[in-house]
Structures are given as structure tokens and as C-alpha cells.
Amino acid sequence: MVYKNLTAVFLSLAALLFAAGPCVMAEEKCEDPVYLKPASAVASSFDDSEWAPGPNPMAVADGDFNTRWSPMLGKDGEWIFYDFGKPKTFTKTVIYWERAYSPEYELLVSDDAKQWKSVMILKNRRGGTDIIGIPQTTARYLKLVGLKRSNPSWGISIWEWEVYGPKELNPEDKPIEQVFPDRKPKEVIKLTMEEPLPSPGPITAVEFQKGINYTSYNESDLAAKESDAMLEYLKTINVTHVCFIVTWYQDTLESMKIYPESPEGGRTPVDEALTHAINKAHSLGFKVILKPHIDVQTDEFRGDIPGEEEWFKNYNEFILKYAKLAAKYNVELYSVGTELSGTPMKWEAEWRKIIKAVRDVYKGPLTYASNWNEYKEVPFWNELDFVGIDAYFPLASKANPSKEDLVAAWEKEARNMEDFFRKKGISKPVIFTEAGYTSAEGTSKTPWTVPSKVESQKEQADCLDAMMTVMTKRVWFKGLYWWCVFPQDIESPLGYTIKGKSAEKVLAGWYKTAK
């Protein structure tokens, strides 16, 4: 009986190590020092979403953890393969997965890139850094096929894919440190709750908020050195205010439960990471707005959440959690909600209760981030300190409109806002809690999405310039928070990010002069 139990324990441990340990094969198979650099790579497809990297399959073989390959979203069976130029012998591979990893994938080899032979199928993988020992195999081509996605709404995405083999069987190859001497391994982030730093000063009703939406869909990257560097970069483009986004989720539009995706493998920043970023922003002299979001796991629009009494009870707990954190960490402005356009009119009494409850624990100014087509329906502006608008107004009926047409479109929207505020007796300062344009052709028509696969930095820059040309002439307009910047230096040729694009200089120029 004793022997039987010991055997069972041994087999259970072995199974656990096989499924969850960093290396599938024996340890000695995971220590080959020679890096096998591919001559080229081919991928099945490329992502074209707003945060997509460029269509470069060799991004996973460049020694740079800021570049990546990502195929089309929502599909299993996407693949990438290496051509080593001639047969190589490999015994190990290391995959550095982005958030969108594959829990089940297959490795195959070929001598002609036509007929493929399966080497192994990996199951129950957990993303992150995946170290796989391969039975010693010699081939010219090595292929990775994602059989299953970690999230049905995503694709898969890889930062780096490294292949190794024994030196004696690959005499021309070198250790990876020699191939990429400047390569920096992925940072291991240490999470601790820091003591709050003091505020650089309150946000007043008369100052112009030169802001950026700082957006993280990762539990820990707000505490990374890379994030600290990105915040430092924002100083160079004259940003003075940073809006941190923290997102919780619900399963469907009708779900009552609201929850964070953390701490392991989730998209909600943990408190240790969020508060580190707030402290870092304050240390750089930035004023901070905290804007909690709700997203729906089905990717339906949060503005279609209908709300119920039970939902509001859970939402109240969610929004008060971050209001208390905002108070403790000296956040200068707090948003009680974002784009929940299905709820304000019908549930006005619940919203007024929420605003009162937030004021009981947070003494700074408050706003609500209404969607561009919602701000006229919000019944509680007089309870708040700033009118917040996510200003994704459609400006044109065709791509690449003239600057004059864009200015005229913004003049129309500005007059609409003025007429509404005057009729309703609203005299609060107005901020654009979000405004942004992608660098894809047609962004002036549908600013809330990536409308095409054709890059147009000019259209992005012109839309931004037209908005600031018109809005900075209004005395009631007190700031913009551009959508958006990520903690990682993400390459996004068609997305909202502006680093290295024409719009970067436009924003920096306006932020230098706006008052």
C-alpha cells in the first residue's frame, strides 16, 4: 500500500512538471548554448487591429522584446515558420509569448517547406516564457502552429522565438549573447505597495490639462522600467497630465458580476503596479486622473450595458475601491464612469448615489467620461466638477479631407456643445477625457476604430490639428487627454499611438503653447 501511494505521488508530480514546468524534456536537453539564427521567416497572416505591430515575421527573431508577430485575430491554426538556410540540428526552443498566448500548439519540421512532420504537440501551456526541450531533430525548416488561443476573442502573439542546438552539430553558430550583444532579457517585475508620494498640486478649473490616456491591459507592466521610461518620454512632448486606465470586466452585457482579470495573466493592473505608476507620474511632476473602465468579454460596447439594481450595487463597490485608492495616492481628478451611455437617464438616481458615495471618500474634483454621442443625455453634470467627453465625433464622409473641412466640422461640434450647455445652464469647464485618431486612412470618418489597412499619418495629424485649432479658442475648453499611450513601446503603424508619427510633433506643439 505504501509503495502504491508513493508511485502515485511520483506520477502526479511528473505529470505536473510535464504540464506546467518551464521545460518539457529532461534538464540536460535545455542547456544547449548555441543560438540558431533563422535566415528568414514566413507567417500565415498579420493582425491589422489598432495596436497591431508591423507585418514582419522576422520581428520574433531580431533580439528585440519590443517587436512581435501577431496574426489575424479570432482564428486558430495560425502559424509561423523559420528557414535556417540549410539543415540545422535543434534540441530546444524558447517562446516569449505576449499576453495573447497559445495554450496548445504544435512544432513541425520540413526539408522543403511543403511536406511537414510533427515533432511534438504541447498542451496546457501557460504563456509567459515557454522553454521546450525538443527530441534531437535535424531539418531546414521549423514551424509553430497555434492550435488553440488563450482568449477566443484574440489571436496569438509572440515577442521572440528562439531556437537552440548543440555546438558540435552546428559549428557555424554562436551563443545568443554574441549574436545579439545588446539584447536585454524581459524584465522580472517586482511588485510591492509603495508609500504615496505627494501631489504636485490640485487640478484647478482654469488650468489647461495637457493629457495622455495611459492604457494598460496587463497586471504588472505599469511597474516595469519600460513604463517608467515611457512616462519620462511624455515629458519631452510637453504632457502635463496623465490619465491612468484600469479595466474590470463582465461576461456579457446582461451580467451582474464585475471583476478584475488579475493577478496572474489578467488584463487588470494590480494595485501594486497602478500605484507605482501614479507615484512615478507624481515624481515627474504630472497631475493624475484615474479613470476606471468596464469592458465586456464578448467585445460588445460598454455603452450597451443596460444596468440593474444588482449591477449598480456591484459597480458602486468597484468605483469606490478606486476612489479610495485615488484619495490615498493623491490623485488629482477622478472619473466616476466611462461611456456607460445605456444607464444615465434611466438610472439617474443610482448615479447620484454613486457620486455622493465617491465624494464621501475622495475629496478631489470629479468628472464622468461621456461618449461623444452621449453627453447631451447625462442628467447629472451639475453634480460634477468637469464635463468629460470622449470626443470621437465623425468629421468627414470621405477619407483624407482637407484641413479646412476638418476645421469646419470641429466648428460645428463646438457650436453644438455651446448651444447645449447654454440651454441646460451648465457652466462647468469641459475636458475631452478621450480624443484620438488612428493613423489609418479614413480615421476622420470613424475615429473610434481602424477604418482601413492604408496608413495615413497625415490624416491623423490633420484631425488633431483641426481639433486643437478650434477647441483652444473656447474659454470653457480646459483640456485634452489623447488616446492613447501604452507602457510598452508598442509599434502600431495603424493605431492611435503617436510616438514617431507626424501627430507627435503636432501634439507637442499645441501642448507647448496651450494655456
Protein backbone atom coordinates (compact mmCIF):
# COMPACT_ATOMS: atom_id res chain seq x y z
CA MET A 1 0.00 0.00 0.00
CA VAL A 2 2.84 2.35 0.86
CA TYR A 3 4.65 1.63 -2.42
CA LYS A 4 1.47 2.14 -4.39
CA ASN A 5 0.89 5.54 -2.79
CA LEU A 6 4.50 6.62 -3.39
CA THR A 7 4.21 5.62 -7.02
CA ALA A 8 1.02 7.60 -7.38
CA VAL A 9 2.65 10.66 -5.82
CA PHE A 10 5.65 10.33 -8.14
CA LEU A 11 3.47 10.04 -11.23
CA SER A 12 1.37 13.02 -10.15
CA LEU A 13 4.48 15.17 -9.68
CA ALA A 14 5.87 14.03 -13.01
CA ALA A 15 2.64 14.93 -14.76
CA LEU A 16 2.60 18.33 -13.09
CA LEU A 17 6.18 19.08 -14.13
CA PHE A 18 5.46 17.99 -17.68
CA ALA A 19 2.41 20.23 -17.96
CA ALA A 20 3.49 23.31 -16.07
CA GLY A 21 7.26 23.31 -15.72
CA PRO A 22 9.38 25.57 -17.91
CA CYS A 23 10.99 22.68 -19.80
CA VAL A 24 9.20 19.66 -21.23
CA MET A 25 12.22 17.45 -21.78
CA ALA A 26 14.98 16.47 -19.36
CA GLU A 27 17.06 19.32 -17.95
CA GLU A 28 20.19 18.47 -19.91
CA LYS A 29 18.25 18.97 -23.13
CA CYS A 30 17.50 22.57 -22.09
CA GLU A 31 21.04 23.88 -21.79
CA ASP A 32 22.30 23.99 -25.38
CA PRO A 33 24.34 27.18 -25.69
CA VAL A 34 24.24 27.77 -29.46
CA TYR A 35 21.56 30.01 -30.92
CA LEU A 36 20.30 29.03 -34.38
CA LYS A 37 19.51 32.28 -36.15
CA PRO A 38 16.99 31.86 -38.97
CA ALA A 39 17.75 33.23 -42.43
CA SER A 40 14.10 34.17 -42.96
CA ALA A 41 10.58 33.58 -41.68
CA VAL A 42 7.12 33.16 -43.18
CA ALA A 43 3.82 33.74 -41.36
CA SER A 44 0.25 32.73 -42.16
CA SER A 45 -1.19 36.25 -41.66
CA PHE A 46 -0.82 39.52 -39.78
CA ASP A 47 -3.03 41.37 -37.33
CA ASP A 48 -4.47 44.65 -38.59
CA SER A 49 -6.11 45.91 -35.38
CA GLU A 50 -5.35 49.31 -33.84
CA TRP A 51 -2.50 48.01 -31.67
CA ALA A 52 -1.07 45.66 -34.28
CA PRO A 53 2.67 45.53 -34.97
CA GLY A 54 4.02 45.81 -38.49
CA PRO A 55 3.67 42.79 -40.82
CA ASN A 56 7.17 41.46 -40.19
CA PRO A 57 7.59 37.74 -39.40
CA MET A 58 11.26 38.27 -38.53
CA ALA A 59 10.21 40.50 -35.61
CA VAL A 60 10.34 37.35 -33.46
CA ALA A 61 13.98 36.74 -34.42
CA ASP A 62 15.51 40.20 -34.00
CA GLY A 63 16.56 40.06 -30.34
CA ASP A 64 14.17 42.92 -29.52
CA PHE A 65 11.46 42.33 -26.92
CA ASN A 66 9.52 45.38 -28.11
CA THR A 67 8.74 43.93 -31.55
CA ARG A 68 6.45 40.98 -32.15
CA TRP A 69 4.46 38.90 -34.61
CA SER A 70 0.69 38.75 -34.30
CA PRO A 71 -1.60 37.06 -36.87
CA MET A 72 -5.27 37.76 -37.59
CA LEU A 73 -7.50 37.89 -34.53
CA GLY A 74 -10.05 35.24 -33.66
CA LYS A 75 -8.56 32.30 -35.56
CA ASP A 76 -6.94 29.04 -34.50
CA GLY A 77 -4.38 27.34 -36.70
CA GLU A 78 -2.27 30.42 -37.43
CA TRP A 79 1.40 29.59 -38.00
CA ILE A 80 4.91 30.90 -38.45
CA PHE A 81 7.98 29.03 -39.67
CA TYR A 82 11.72 29.61 -39.84
CA ASP A 83 14.01 28.89 -42.77
CA PHE A 84 17.54 28.34 -41.45
CA GLY A 85 19.00 28.37 -44.97
CA LYS A 86 20.30 24.84 -44.59
CA PRO A 87 19.64 21.91 -42.23
CA LYS A 88 20.27 22.61 -38.55
CA THR A 89 20.12 20.32 -35.53
CA PHE A 90 17.99 21.67 -32.71
CA THR A 91 17.17 20.42 -29.25
CA LYS A 92 15.48 23.38 -27.57
CA THR A 93 13.20 26.30 -28.32
CA VAL A 94 12.19 29.26 -26.16
CA ILE A 95 8.99 31.18 -26.90
CA TYR A 96 8.37 34.55 -25.28
CA TRP A 97 4.61 34.92 -25.55
CA GLU A 98 2.81 38.21 -25.43
CA ARG A 99 -0.48 38.38 -23.48
CA ALA A 100 -2.23 36.51 -26.29
CA TYR A 101 -0.57 33.11 -25.98
CA SER A 102 -1.39 29.64 -27.25
CA PRO A 103 -2.10 27.04 -24.55
CA GLU A 104 -1.88 24.31 -27.19
CA TYR A 105 0.47 24.40 -30.16
CA GLU A 106 2.41 22.10 -32.46
CA LEU A 107 6.04 22.09 -33.63
CA LEU A 108 6.76 20.64 -37.08
CA VAL A 109 9.83 20.26 -39.30
CA SER A 110 10.40 20.09 -43.04
CA ASP A 111 13.17 19.92 -45.60
CA ASP A 112 11.23 21.72 -48.35
CA ALA A 113 8.58 23.85 -46.55
CA LYS A 114 5.88 21.74 -48.27
CA GLN A 115 5.81 18.38 -46.51
CA TRP A 116 5.75 18.80 -42.73
CA LYS A 117 6.41 16.26 -40.00
CA SER A 118 5.09 16.76 -36.46
CA VAL A 119 7.76 16.81 -33.77
CA MET A 120 5.55 17.39 -30.76
CA ILE A 121 2.23 18.86 -29.63
CA LEU A 122 2.33 20.96 -26.48
CA LYS A 123 -0.78 21.16 -24.32
CA ASN A 124 -1.82 23.02 -21.17
CA ARG A 125 0.85 25.67 -21.61
CA ARG A 126 0.55 28.90 -19.62
CA GLY A 127 2.21 31.51 -21.79
CA GLY A 128 4.97 33.74 -20.50
CA THR A 129 8.42 32.35 -21.21
CA ASP A 130 7.94 28.82 -22.55
CA ILE A 131 11.11 26.69 -22.63
CA ILE A 132 10.70 23.48 -24.60
CA GLY A 133 13.19 20.65 -24.97
CA ILE A 134 12.87 19.08 -28.42
CA PRO A 135 13.90 15.49 -29.31
CA GLN A 136 17.12 15.99 -31.30
CA THR A 137 15.96 16.87 -34.81
CA THR A 138 17.74 17.95 -37.98
CA ALA A 139 15.83 19.97 -40.58
CA ARG A 140 15.99 23.19 -42.58
CA TYR A 141 12.55 24.47 -41.54
CA LEU A 142 10.86 24.66 -38.13
CA LYS A 143 7.19 25.60 -37.84
CA LEU A 144 4.97 26.63 -34.93
CA VAL A 145 1.19 26.24 -35.29
CA GLY A 146 -1.15 27.72 -32.69
CA LEU A 147 -3.84 25.09 -32.20
CA LYS A 148 -5.77 26.95 -29.53
CA ARG A 149 -5.93 30.55 -28.28
CA SER A 150 -5.90 31.63 -24.64
CA ASN A 151 -8.79 34.01 -25.31
CA PRO A 152 -11.41 33.31 -28.02
CA SER A 153 -11.57 36.99 -28.96
CA TRP A 154 -7.83 37.31 -29.51
CA GLY A 155 -5.27 35.87 -31.82
CA ILE A 156 -1.82 34.77 -30.67
CA SER A 157 1.26 36.93 -30.34
CA ILE A 158 4.98 36.27 -29.83
CA TRP A 159 7.72 38.69 -28.78
CA GLU A 160 10.66 36.37 -29.53
CA TRP A 161 11.03 32.77 -30.69
CA GLU A 162 14.49 31.34 -30.09
CA VAL A 163 15.85 28.01 -31.31
CA TYR A 164 18.96 26.30 -29.92
CA GLY A 165 21.10 23.29 -30.73
CA PRO A 166 24.39 21.64 -29.71
CA LYS A 167 27.57 23.39 -30.79
CA GLU A 168 29.21 20.24 -32.11
CA LEU A 169 26.34 19.71 -34.56
CA ASN A 170 26.02 23.39 -35.50
CA PRO A 171 29.66 24.50 -35.73
CA GLU A 172 28.94 27.78 -37.53
CA ASP A 173 26.52 29.07 -34.90
CA LYS A 174 27.22 31.13 -31.79
CA PRO A 175 25.73 31.76 -28.33
CA ILE A 176 22.85 34.23 -28.40
CA GLU A 177 24.86 36.77 -26.40
CA GLN A 178 27.26 37.05 -29.33
CA VAL A 179 24.52 37.22 -31.94
CA PHE A 180 22.62 39.96 -30.07
CA PRO A 181 25.19 41.65 -27.78
CA ASP A 182 22.73 44.42 -26.85
CA ARG A 183 19.84 42.07 -26.15
CA LYS A 184 18.11 42.73 -22.83
CA PRO A 185 16.09 39.88 -21.31
CA LYS A 186 12.47 40.51 -20.36
CA GLU A 187 12.30 42.30 -17.04
CA VAL A 188 11.18 40.40 -13.96
CA ILE A 189 8.86 42.88 -12.29
CA LYS A 190 8.85 43.05 -8.50
CA LEU A 191 5.53 44.20 -7.11
CA THR A 192 5.29 45.99 -3.76
CA MET A 193 2.87 48.53 -2.32
CA GLU A 194 4.76 51.81 -2.20
CA GLU A 195 4.01 54.70 0.11
CA PRO A 196 2.14 57.54 -1.62
CA LEU A 197 4.10 60.49 -2.99
CA PRO A 198 2.68 64.00 -2.62
CA SER A 199 0.73 65.68 -5.39
CA PRO A 200 2.43 68.44 -7.40
CA GLY A 201 -0.75 70.45 -6.80
CA PRO A 202 -4.51 70.32 -7.38
CA ILE A 203 -6.17 70.49 -10.78
CA THR A 204 -7.97 73.84 -10.96
CA ALA A 205 -10.92 74.88 -13.09
CA VAL A 206 -8.79 77.36 -15.05
CA GLU A 207 -5.69 75.36 -15.97
CA PHE A 208 -5.38 73.62 -19.34
CA GLN A 209 -4.95 69.88 -18.95
CA LYS A 210 -2.37 68.65 -21.47
CA GLY A 211 -3.08 64.99 -21.10
CA ILE A 212 -2.45 61.47 -22.32
CA ASN A 213 -4.55 58.35 -21.67
CA TYR A 214 -2.03 55.86 -20.31
CA THR A 215 -3.55 52.48 -21.01
CA SER A 216 -2.50 49.08 -19.64
CA TYR A 217 -4.09 45.69 -20.26
CA ASN A 218 -1.57 43.82 -18.14
CA GLU A 219 -1.48 43.05 -14.44
CA SER A 220 2.07 44.26 -13.81
CA ASP A 221 3.57 46.30 -16.65
CA LEU A 222 2.74 49.65 -15.03
CA ALA A 223 5.53 48.78 -12.56
CA ALA A 224 8.10 47.96 -15.25
CA LYS A 225 11.17 50.04 -16.01
CA GLU A 226 9.86 50.33 -19.55
CA SER A 227 6.73 52.02 -18.23
CA ASP A 228 8.83 54.43 -16.17
CA ALA A 229 10.77 55.29 -19.34
CA MET A 230 7.55 55.86 -21.28
CA LEU A 231 6.31 58.30 -18.64
CA GLU A 232 9.64 60.11 -18.87
CA TYR A 233 9.18 60.31 -22.64
CA LEU A 234 5.84 62.07 -22.14
CA LYS A 235 7.71 64.99 -20.55
CA THR A 236 9.55 65.50 -23.85
CA ILE A 237 6.28 66.11 -25.74
CA ASN A 238 5.02 68.65 -23.19
CA VAL A 239 2.44 66.45 -21.47
CA THR A 240 1.48 67.72 -18.02
CA HIS A 241 -1.44 65.42 -17.07
CA VAL A 242 -1.65 61.61 -17.24
CA CYS A 243 -4.88 59.61 -17.15
CA PHE A 244 -4.42 56.04 -15.94
CA ILE A 245 -6.92 53.47 -17.19
CA VAL A 246 -7.78 50.43 -15.07
CA THR A 247 -10.29 47.99 -16.53
CA TRP A 248 -12.61 45.44 -14.93
CA TYR A 249 -14.78 43.05 -16.89
CA GLN A 250 -18.19 41.44 -17.09
CA ASP A 251 -19.00 38.34 -19.14
CA THR A 252 -21.97 39.67 -21.15
CA LEU A 253 -23.95 42.89 -21.42
CA GLU A 254 -26.57 41.47 -19.03
CA SER A 255 -24.11 40.08 -16.45
CA MET A 256 -24.35 41.39 -12.90
CA LYS A 257 -20.85 40.39 -11.83
CA ILE A 258 -17.99 42.83 -12.41
CA TYR A 259 -14.49 41.52 -11.78
CA PRO A 260 -10.77 42.19 -12.34
CA GLU A 261 -8.68 39.98 -14.62
CA SER A 262 -5.75 39.54 -12.26
CA PRO A 263 -3.42 38.83 -10.65
CA GLU A 264 -1.98 36.08 -12.92
CA GLY A 265 -2.27 36.51 -16.67
CA GLY A 266 -5.01 39.10 -16.43
CA ARG A 267 -5.65 42.42 -18.14
CA THR A 268 -6.39 44.41 -14.98
CA PRO A 269 -3.42 46.25 -13.43
CA VAL A 270 -2.92 45.13 -9.84
CA ASP A 271 -2.85 47.82 -7.19
CA GLU A 272 0.91 47.49 -6.69
CA ALA A 273 1.56 48.28 -10.36
CA LEU A 274 -1.06 51.03 -10.62
CA THR A 275 0.14 52.87 -7.54
CA HIS A 276 3.76 52.59 -8.66
CA ALA A 277 2.81 54.32 -11.92
CA ILE A 278 0.88 57.03 -10.05
CA ASN A 279 3.92 57.63 -7.84
CA LYS A 280 6.21 57.73 -10.87
CA ALA A 281 3.92 60.26 -12.56
CA HIS A 282 3.88 62.43 -9.46
CA SER A 283 7.67 62.23 -9.14
CA LEU A 284 7.89 63.65 -12.68
CA GLY A 285 5.53 66.50 -11.83
CA PHE A 286 2.49 65.13 -13.69
CA LYS A 287 -1.00 65.60 -12.35
CA VAL A 288 -3.05 62.41 -12.47
CA ILE A 289 -6.58 61.46 -13.42
CA LEU A 290 -7.78 57.93 -12.62
CA LYS A 291 -10.47 56.65 -14.98
CA PRO A 292 -11.82 53.14 -14.27
CA HIS A 293 -13.39 51.28 -17.21
CA ILE A 294 -15.80 48.38 -17.62
CA ASP A 295 -15.33 46.13 -20.67
CA VAL A 296 -17.48 43.22 -21.83
CA GLN A 297 -15.80 39.87 -22.54
CA THR A 298 -17.90 39.47 -25.69
CA ASP A 299 -16.28 42.67 -27.05
CA GLU A 300 -19.66 44.38 -27.16
CA PHE A 301 -19.71 48.10 -26.41
CA ARG A 302 -19.87 49.06 -22.74
CA GLY A 303 -22.42 51.73 -23.65
CA ASP A 304 -24.94 48.96 -24.28
CA ILE A 305 -24.80 47.68 -20.69
CA PRO A 306 -28.43 48.19 -19.52
CA GLY A 307 -27.78 48.32 -15.78
CA GLU A 308 -29.89 46.81 -12.99
CA GLU A 309 -30.09 47.41 -9.26
CA GLU A 310 -27.78 44.48 -8.59
CA TRP A 311 -25.36 45.70 -11.28
CA PHE A 312 -25.24 49.16 -9.72
CA LYS A 313 -24.53 47.65 -6.33
CA ASN A 314 -21.50 45.86 -7.78
CA TYR A 315 -20.48 48.91 -9.81
CA ASN A 316 -20.62 51.04 -6.68
CA GLU A 317 -18.18 48.69 -4.92
CA PHE A 318 -15.87 48.80 -7.95
CA ILE A 319 -15.85 52.57 -8.32
CA LEU A 320 -15.45 53.15 -4.56
CA LYS A 321 -12.44 50.81 -4.43
CA TYR A 322 -10.55 53.05 -6.82
CA ALA A 323 -11.91 56.25 -5.31
CA LYS A 324 -10.31 55.22 -2.01
CA LEU A 325 -7.07 54.39 -3.81
CA ALA A 326 -7.21 57.76 -5.59
CA ALA A 327 -7.63 59.52 -2.25
CA LYS A 328 -4.73 57.68 -0.62
CA TYR A 329 -2.36 58.24 -3.54
CA ASN A 330 -3.21 61.92 -4.01
CA VAL A 331 -4.79 61.55 -7.46
CA GLU A 332 -5.84 64.99 -8.67
CA LEU A 333 -9.01 64.10 -10.66
CA TYR A 334 -11.29 61.06 -10.58
CA SER A 335 -13.82 59.77 -13.11
CA VAL A 336 -16.95 58.08 -11.77
CA GLY A 337 -17.60 56.26 -15.06
CA THR A 338 -16.75 55.90 -18.72
CA GLU A 339 -19.13 55.68 -21.70
CA LEU A 340 -21.91 53.87 -19.83
CA SER A 341 -24.47 55.53 -22.07
CA GLY A 342 -27.11 52.84 -21.55
CA THR A 343 -27.54 53.83 -17.90
CA PRO A 344 -27.50 57.61 -17.06
CA MET A 345 -31.06 58.64 -17.96
CA LYS A 346 -32.83 55.50 -16.75
CA TRP A 347 -30.73 55.14 -13.61
CA GLU A 348 -30.17 58.79 -12.71
CA ALA A 349 -30.92 58.20 -9.01
CA GLU A 350 -28.31 55.41 -8.83
CA TRP A 351 -25.70 57.64 -10.44
CA ARG A 352 -26.39 60.42 -7.98
CA LYS A 353 -25.94 57.94 -5.12
CA ILE A 354 -22.61 56.85 -6.61
CA ILE A 355 -21.38 60.43 -6.95
CA LYS A 356 -22.30 61.15 -3.32
CA ALA A 357 -20.61 57.96 -2.12
CA VAL A 358 -17.45 58.84 -4.05
CA ARG A 359 -17.40 62.36 -2.61
CA ASP A 360 -17.54 60.84 0.88
CA VAL A 361 -14.19 59.07 0.35
CA TYR A 362 -12.47 61.23 -2.29
CA LYS A 363 -12.21 65.00 -1.83
CA GLY A 364 -10.77 65.98 -5.21
CA PRO A 365 -12.71 67.06 -8.31
CA LEU A 366 -14.86 64.59 -10.25
CA THR A 367 -15.83 64.01 -13.85
CA TYR A 368 -17.69 61.46 -15.95
CA ALA A 369 -16.33 60.41 -19.36
CA SER A 370 -19.39 60.51 -21.62
CA ASN A 371 -19.27 59.13 -25.13
CA TRP A 372 -19.32 61.68 -27.99
CA ASN A 373 -23.00 60.97 -28.73
CA GLU A 374 -23.98 60.70 -25.06
CA TYR A 375 -23.01 63.97 -23.38
CA LYS A 376 -26.40 65.59 -24.06
CA GLU A 377 -28.16 62.72 -22.25
CA VAL A 378 -26.21 62.90 -18.98
CA PRO A 379 -28.55 64.34 -16.30
CA PHE A 380 -26.01 64.92 -13.53
CA TRP A 381 -23.38 67.31 -14.95
CA ASN A 382 -24.14 69.89 -12.27
CA GLU A 383 -23.10 67.33 -9.62
CA LEU A 384 -19.59 67.11 -11.12
CA ASP A 385 -16.64 69.49 -11.44
CA PHE A 386 -15.78 68.87 -15.09
CA VAL A 387 -17.87 67.83 -18.08
CA GLY A 388 -15.98 64.93 -19.64
CA ILE A 389 -16.44 63.96 -23.29
CA ASP A 390 -14.79 61.13 -25.19
CA ALA A 391 -14.68 63.18 -28.37
CA TYR A 392 -14.76 60.68 -31.23
CA PHE A 393 -17.02 62.85 -33.38
CA PRO A 394 -17.15 61.77 -37.05
CA LEU A 395 -15.75 64.65 -39.08
CA ALA A 396 -15.98 63.65 -42.74
CA SER A 397 -17.77 61.44 -45.24
CA LYS A 398 -14.62 60.50 -47.14
CA ALA A 399 -11.01 59.74 -46.33
CA ASN A 400 -8.27 62.40 -46.39
CA PRO A 401 -10.48 65.51 -46.15
CA SER A 402 -8.89 68.92 -46.40
CA LYS A 403 -7.72 70.76 -43.29
CA GLU A 404 -10.38 73.39 -43.98
CA ASP A 405 -13.13 70.75 -43.99
CA LEU A 406 -11.87 69.29 -40.73
CA VAL A 407 -11.81 72.71 -39.07
CA ALA A 408 -15.36 73.37 -40.29
CA ALA A 409 -16.52 70.02 -38.87
CA TRP A 410 -14.99 70.82 -35.49
CA GLU A 411 -16.54 74.30 -35.51
CA LYS A 412 -19.94 72.66 -35.94
CA GLU A 413 -19.36 70.31 -32.99
CA ALA A 414 -18.07 73.15 -30.80
CA ARG A 415 -21.18 75.23 -31.53
CA ASN A 416 -23.38 72.22 -30.73
CA MET A 417 -21.69 71.89 -27.36
CA GLU A 418 -22.04 75.60 -26.63
CA ASP A 419 -25.74 75.57 -27.52
CA PHE A 420 -26.39 72.56 -25.31
CA PHE A 421 -24.53 73.96 -22.29
CA ARG A 422 -26.30 77.31 -22.62
CA LYS A 423 -29.78 75.76 -22.87
CA LYS A 424 -29.17 73.47 -19.90
CA GLY A 425 -27.49 76.12 -17.78
CA ILE A 426 -24.29 74.10 -17.48
CA SER A 427 -21.28 76.28 -16.76
CA LYS A 428 -18.72 73.64 -15.90
CA PRO A 429 -15.30 73.52 -17.61
CA VAL A 430 -15.14 70.87 -20.34
CA ILE A 431 -12.34 68.39 -20.91
CA PHE A 432 -12.00 65.75 -23.59
CA THR A 433 -11.39 62.76 -21.35
CA GLU A 434 -10.55 60.93 -24.57
CA ALA A 435 -9.89 62.06 -28.10
CA GLY A 436 -7.83 60.30 -30.68
CA TYR A 437 -7.42 59.29 -34.29
CA THR A 438 -5.73 56.26 -35.75
CA SER A 439 -3.04 56.63 -38.38
CA ALA A 440 -5.19 54.72 -40.87
CA GLU A 441 -6.80 56.30 -43.90
CA GLY A 442 -10.40 57.20 -43.12
CA THR A 443 -9.91 57.93 -39.43
CA SER A 444 -11.79 61.23 -39.81
CA LYS A 445 -14.95 59.24 -40.70
CA THR A 446 -14.85 56.75 -37.82
CA PRO A 447 -12.37 57.90 -35.15
CA TRP A 448 -13.44 55.08 -32.81
CA THR A 449 -11.93 52.31 -34.95
CA VAL A 450 -9.25 51.44 -37.50
CA PRO A 451 -11.15 52.02 -40.76
CA SER A 452 -8.64 50.68 -43.28
CA LYS A 453 -5.29 48.98 -43.78
CA VAL A 454 -3.79 52.03 -45.50
CA GLU A 455 -1.51 54.15 -43.34
CA SER A 456 -2.17 57.89 -43.27
CA GLN A 457 -0.14 59.77 -40.70
CA LYS A 458 -1.22 62.99 -42.38
CA GLU A 459 -4.93 62.40 -41.78
CA GLN A 460 -4.25 61.59 -38.11
CA ALA A 461 -2.16 64.73 -37.69
CA ASP A 462 -4.64 66.93 -39.57
CA CYS A 463 -7.57 65.76 -37.43
CA LEU A 464 -5.66 66.51 -34.25
CA ASP A 465 -4.53 69.91 -35.53
CA ALA A 466 -8.07 70.86 -36.57
CA MET A 467 -9.47 69.87 -33.18
CA MET A 468 -6.95 71.96 -31.28
CA THR A 469 -7.28 74.89 -33.70
CA VAL A 470 -10.99 75.10 -32.93
CA MET A 471 -11.25 74.00 -29.32
CA THR A 472 -8.42 76.05 -27.82
CA LYS A 473 -10.33 79.20 -28.84
CA ARG A 474 -13.15 78.24 -26.44
CA VAL A 475 -12.63 79.59 -22.92
CA TRP A 476 -14.70 76.74 -21.48
CA PHE A 477 -12.48 74.05 -23.03
CA LYS A 478 -9.89 73.07 -20.46
CA GLY A 479 -8.00 70.12 -21.77
CA LEU A 480 -7.44 67.05 -23.86
CA TYR A 481 -6.40 63.51 -22.96
CA TRP A 482 -5.12 61.91 -26.15
CA TRP A 483 -5.99 58.26 -26.73
CA CYS A 484 -3.57 56.64 -26.11
CA VAL A 485 -0.09 55.55 -24.99
CA PHE A 486 0.86 52.09 -23.70
CA PRO A 487 3.50 51.34 -21.04
CA GLN A 488 5.37 49.23 -23.58
CA ASP A 489 6.90 50.96 -26.58
CA ILE A 490 4.44 49.20 -28.88
CA GLU A 491 4.83 49.52 -32.63
CA SER A 492 1.41 50.36 -34.05
CA PRO A 493 1.55 51.59 -37.68
CA LEU A 494 -2.24 51.99 -37.98
CA GLY A 495 -3.17 52.63 -34.35
CA TYR A 496 -3.76 55.61 -32.06
CA THR A 497 -0.22 55.81 -30.73
CA ILE A 498 1.70 58.85 -31.98
CA LYS A 499 5.30 58.21 -30.97
CA GLY A 500 7.45 58.65 -34.04
CA LYS A 501 4.48 59.74 -36.18
CA SER A 502 3.56 63.12 -37.66
CA ALA A 503 0.91 63.69 -34.96
CA GLU A 504 3.59 63.58 -32.26
CA LYS A 505 5.00 66.94 -33.33
CA VAL A 506 1.51 68.41 -33.70
CA LEU A 507 0.53 67.39 -30.16
CA ALA A 508 3.84 68.55 -28.68
CA GLY A 509 3.44 71.90 -30.44
CA TRP A 510 -0.07 72.51 -29.15
CA TYR A 511 0.84 71.36 -25.64
CA LYS A 512 3.75 73.79 -25.62
CA THR A 513 1.50 76.79 -26.28
CA ALA A 514 -1.93 75.86 -24.89
CA LYS A 515 -2.96 77.67 -21.70
